[in-house]
Amino acid sequence: MKNKPTTHDRIIRTPGLMGGKPVIKGHRIPVELVLEYLVYDPDLNKMFEAFPRLTIEDVKACLAYAHKLVENETPEPQHAHL
């Protein structure tokens, strides 16, 4: 995929900061909150109104972070139906 977004420069986890959850570096906005906004209302303009310092690159980094988590999941074994 062209220009695959990276998370290492935008998403950080720091013990004691936001309970150790991943946040957008320099903003203290949890990745979880960005994803929640996108789930319930994917209108980026509304999100940017709520978080004026948030950038499209930050949003892409959050999505890439979530993608990486899902991509690395171990599939559950398939059970044969009897």
Protein backbone atom coordinates (compact mmCIF):
# COMPACT_ATOMS: atom_id res chain seq x y z
CA MET A 1 0.00 0.00 0.00
CA LYS A 2 1.35 3.42 -0.97
CA ASN A 3 2.36 5.83 1.82
CA LYS A 4 1.39 3.43 4.59
CA PRO A 5 0.87 5.53 7.74
CA THR A 6 3.20 4.86 10.64
CA THR A 7 2.28 5.05 14.28
CA HIS A 8 5.63 5.13 16.04
CA ASP A 9 6.10 8.88 15.63
CA ARG A 10 2.51 9.86 16.51
CA ILE A 11 1.17 7.27 18.96
CA ILE A 12 2.82 6.79 22.34
CA ARG A 13 2.16 4.85 25.54
CA THR A 14 3.52 6.29 28.76
CA PRO A 15 2.92 4.68 32.16
CA GLY A 16 0.98 7.11 34.32
CA LEU A 17 -0.29 9.14 31.35
CA MET A 18 -3.96 8.44 30.60
CA GLY A 19 -3.67 5.14 32.43
CA GLY A 20 -0.96 3.91 30.05
CA LYS A 21 -3.37 3.85 27.11
CA PRO A 22 -2.04 4.83 23.68
CA VAL A 23 -2.40 8.55 23.00
CA ILE A 24 -1.54 10.96 20.22
CA LYS A 25 1.86 12.35 21.04
CA GLY A 26 1.73 15.93 22.30
CA HIS A 27 -2.07 16.01 22.64
CA ARG A 28 -3.04 13.50 25.34
CA ILE A 29 -5.94 12.48 23.11
CA PRO A 30 -6.44 8.73 23.50
CA VAL A 31 -6.47 6.62 20.35
CA GLU A 32 -9.59 4.97 21.76
CA LEU A 33 -11.42 8.32 21.77
CA VAL A 34 -10.54 9.06 18.14
CA LEU A 35 -11.75 5.60 17.09
CA GLU A 36 -14.95 6.04 19.11
CA TYR A 37 -15.66 9.33 17.32
CA LEU A 38 -15.18 7.61 13.97
CA VAL A 39 -17.47 4.72 14.91
CA TYR A 40 -20.40 6.92 15.92
CA ASP A 41 -19.93 9.79 13.47
CA PRO A 42 -17.23 9.52 10.81
CA ASP A 43 -17.53 13.23 9.98
CA LEU A 44 -13.93 14.40 10.35
CA ASN A 45 -14.97 18.05 10.38
CA LYS A 46 -16.93 17.51 13.60
CA MET A 47 -13.98 15.70 15.15
CA PHE A 48 -11.63 18.52 14.17
CA GLU A 49 -14.06 21.03 15.72
CA ALA A 50 -14.00 19.05 18.97
CA PHE A 51 -10.20 18.67 18.83
CA PRO A 52 -8.78 21.63 16.87
CA ARG A 53 -5.15 20.51 17.26
CA LEU A 54 -5.89 17.07 15.80
CA THR A 55 -4.66 16.52 12.25
CA ILE A 56 -5.60 14.10 9.50
CA GLU A 57 -2.19 12.48 10.01
CA ASP A 58 -3.12 11.87 13.67
CA VAL A 59 -6.38 10.23 12.62
CA LYS A 60 -4.57 8.06 10.08
CA ALA A 61 -2.07 7.03 12.76
CA CYS A 62 -4.95 5.98 15.05
CA LEU A 63 -6.50 3.91 12.28
CA ALA A 64 -3.11 2.36 11.46
CA TYR A 65 -2.61 1.54 15.14
CA ALA A 66 -6.00 -0.22 15.29
CA HIS A 67 -5.27 -2.02 12.01
CA LYS A 68 -1.95 -3.27 13.36
CA LEU A 69 -3.67 -4.68 16.44
CA VAL A 70 -6.26 -6.54 14.37
CA GLU A 71 -3.70 -7.68 11.81
CA ASN A 72 -1.58 -9.26 14.55
CA GLU A 73 -4.46 -11.10 16.23
CA THR A 74 -4.17 -14.85 16.33
CA PRO A 75 -7.17 -16.44 14.64
CA GLU A 76 -9.29 -18.73 16.75
CA PRO A 77 -9.23 -22.36 15.68
CA GLN A 78 -12.13 -23.39 13.49
CA HIS A 79 -14.35 -26.06 15.01
CA ALA A 80 -15.89 -28.67 12.78
CA HIS A 81 -19.67 -28.70 12.88
CA LEU A 82 -21.07 -32.07 13.85
